[in-house]
Amino acid sequence: MPQPNQITIKTADNSVHTLPALGRDYSESSELIAREDRSAGGTLRRDITAEKKTFTLNYETIDNAALLLYEDLFENHVGEVLTLSVARLNQTGTEVTKQYKVLMRPFSRKRMPSALWQGVSIEFVEI
């Protein structure tokens, strides 16, 4: 059965971790790697080398178990290239999974009075 919006991370040792979906706000942004310049006639020219994505997972609140997963990923795999898999449903309702090679960025968190954390924003940047 399709699981749209499922996001997983695979580490270099082939461990696969499903990233918590509860309370998650997910976004993607694109960055164009390009060179721009004007020709002798003044026309703007752009040479696009690549498009790279940044994947952001924002949690308004997150429990300790979910936070420990991200802390483990960062502490033990910060220097390695990870494989991020994002599952989506296409126009026909078929699940399509795309994979990206990414690096994880550092993140901050704030402890709430309960056993929860708030303001956790996790970023993965395509290499």
Protein backbone atom coordinates (compact mmCIF):
# COMPACT_ATOMS: atom_id res chain seq x y z
CA MET A 1 0.00 0.00 0.00
CA PRO A 2 1.40 3.42 -0.89
CA GLN A 3 2.72 5.58 1.90
CA PRO A 4 2.74 9.06 0.39
CA ASN A 5 4.96 11.59 2.07
CA GLN A 6 7.16 8.91 3.64
CA ILE A 7 10.72 10.14 3.94
CA THR A 8 13.64 7.85 4.69
CA ILE A 9 17.38 8.27 5.15
CA LYS A 10 19.91 5.60 4.25
CA THR A 11 23.38 5.87 5.77
CA ALA A 12 26.67 4.63 4.29
CA ASP A 13 26.37 1.38 6.28
CA ASN A 14 23.00 0.78 4.51
CA SER A 15 20.89 1.42 7.64
CA VAL A 16 17.51 2.84 6.63
CA HIS A 17 15.66 5.19 8.99
CA THR A 18 12.08 6.33 8.44
CA LEU A 19 11.86 9.96 9.51
CA PRO A 20 8.99 10.79 11.88
CA ALA A 21 5.94 12.21 10.12
CA LEU A 22 3.89 13.21 13.17
CA GLY A 23 3.82 16.99 13.42
CA ARG A 24 6.17 17.40 10.47
CA ASP A 25 5.99 20.29 8.05
CA TYR A 26 8.00 19.41 4.94
CA SER A 27 9.34 21.75 2.28
CA GLU A 28 11.76 21.68 -0.63
CA SER A 29 13.58 24.61 -2.13
CA SER A 30 15.72 24.76 -5.24
CA GLU A 31 18.95 26.58 -5.91
CA LEU A 32 20.22 27.10 -9.43
CA ILE A 33 23.95 26.81 -9.91
CA ALA A 34 24.35 29.24 -12.76
CA ARG A 35 26.59 31.81 -14.34
CA GLU A 36 25.10 35.04 -15.63
CA ASP A 37 26.68 37.74 -17.70
CA ARG A 38 25.74 40.24 -20.35
CA SER A 39 26.84 39.92 -23.93
CA ALA A 40 28.56 42.74 -25.80
CA GLY A 41 25.10 43.80 -27.06
CA GLY A 42 23.74 43.98 -23.50
CA THR A 43 21.62 40.83 -23.62
CA LEU A 44 21.56 38.87 -20.38
CA ARG A 45 22.81 35.30 -20.80
CA ARG A 46 22.48 32.54 -18.23
CA ASP A 47 24.29 29.22 -18.24
CA ILE A 48 22.61 26.84 -15.79
CA THR A 49 25.01 24.18 -14.54
CA ALA A 50 22.72 22.37 -12.09
CA GLU A 51 19.71 22.59 -9.83
CA LYS A 52 20.25 21.51 -6.22
CA LYS A 53 17.58 21.11 -3.56
CA THR A 54 17.35 21.79 0.15
CA PHE A 55 14.91 19.60 2.08
CA THR A 56 13.56 21.04 5.33
CA LEU A 57 11.60 19.17 8.00
CA ASN A 58 10.11 21.48 10.62
CA TYR A 59 8.59 20.14 13.81
CA GLU A 60 6.57 22.46 16.02
CA THR A 61 6.90 19.80 18.72
CA ILE A 62 8.75 16.49 18.70
CA ASP A 63 9.15 13.74 21.27
CA ASN A 64 12.47 12.57 22.67
CA ALA A 65 12.60 9.32 20.65
CA ALA A 66 12.25 11.20 17.36
CA LEU A 67 14.83 13.78 18.42
CA LEU A 68 17.28 11.02 19.36
CA LEU A 69 17.07 9.68 15.80
CA TYR A 70 18.14 13.05 14.38
CA GLU A 71 20.85 13.48 17.01
CA ASP A 72 22.21 10.03 16.15
CA LEU A 73 22.18 10.80 12.43
CA PHE A 74 24.04 14.05 13.02
CA GLU A 75 26.57 12.78 15.56
CA ASN A 76 27.44 9.57 13.73
CA HIS A 77 26.89 10.43 10.06
CA VAL A 78 27.48 14.19 9.73
CA GLY A 79 30.45 13.81 7.41
CA GLU A 80 29.00 11.18 5.12
CA VAL A 81 26.75 11.36 2.11
CA LEU A 82 23.26 10.13 2.97
CA THR A 83 20.50 8.96 0.63
CA LEU A 84 17.22 10.79 1.16
CA SER A 85 14.14 9.07 -0.32
CA VAL A 86 10.88 10.99 -0.68
CA ALA A 87 7.66 9.15 -1.61
CA ARG A 88 4.89 11.04 -3.38
CA LEU A 89 1.73 10.20 -5.27
CA ASN A 90 1.67 11.29 -8.91
CA GLN A 91 -1.39 12.43 -10.91
CA THR A 92 -2.62 8.86 -11.37
CA GLY A 93 -2.31 7.96 -7.67
CA THR A 94 0.78 5.84 -8.17
CA GLU A 95 3.51 6.16 -5.58
CA VAL A 96 6.75 7.57 -6.95
CA THR A 97 9.91 7.64 -4.84
CA LYS A 98 12.78 9.97 -5.68
CA GLN A 99 16.22 9.63 -4.16
CA TYR A 100 18.77 12.35 -3.51
CA LYS A 101 22.34 12.30 -2.22
CA VAL A 102 22.44 14.75 0.68
CA LEU A 103 24.43 16.10 3.61
CA MET A 104 22.78 16.94 6.94
CA ARG A 105 23.10 20.41 8.44
CA PRO A 106 23.39 21.16 12.17
CA PHE A 107 20.11 21.89 13.95
CA SER A 108 18.89 23.49 17.15
CA ARG A 109 16.16 22.53 19.57
CA LYS A 110 14.45 23.96 22.62
CA ARG A 111 13.27 21.87 25.56
CA MET A 112 9.65 22.33 26.61
CA PRO A 113 8.50 21.90 30.26
CA SER A 114 7.13 18.47 29.30
CA ALA A 115 9.14 15.68 27.70
CA LEU A 116 8.81 17.34 24.30
CA TRP A 117 11.08 19.54 22.21
CA GLN A 118 10.05 22.49 20.06
CA GLY A 119 11.41 24.49 17.16
CA VAL A 120 13.31 21.60 15.59
CA SER A 121 14.20 22.27 11.96
CA ILE A 122 16.18 19.61 10.10
CA GLU A 123 17.85 20.42 6.77
CA PHE A 124 19.32 18.10 4.20
CA VAL A 125 21.21 19.68 1.29
CA GLU A 126 21.65 17.91 -2.03
CA ILE A 127 25.29 17.43 -2.98
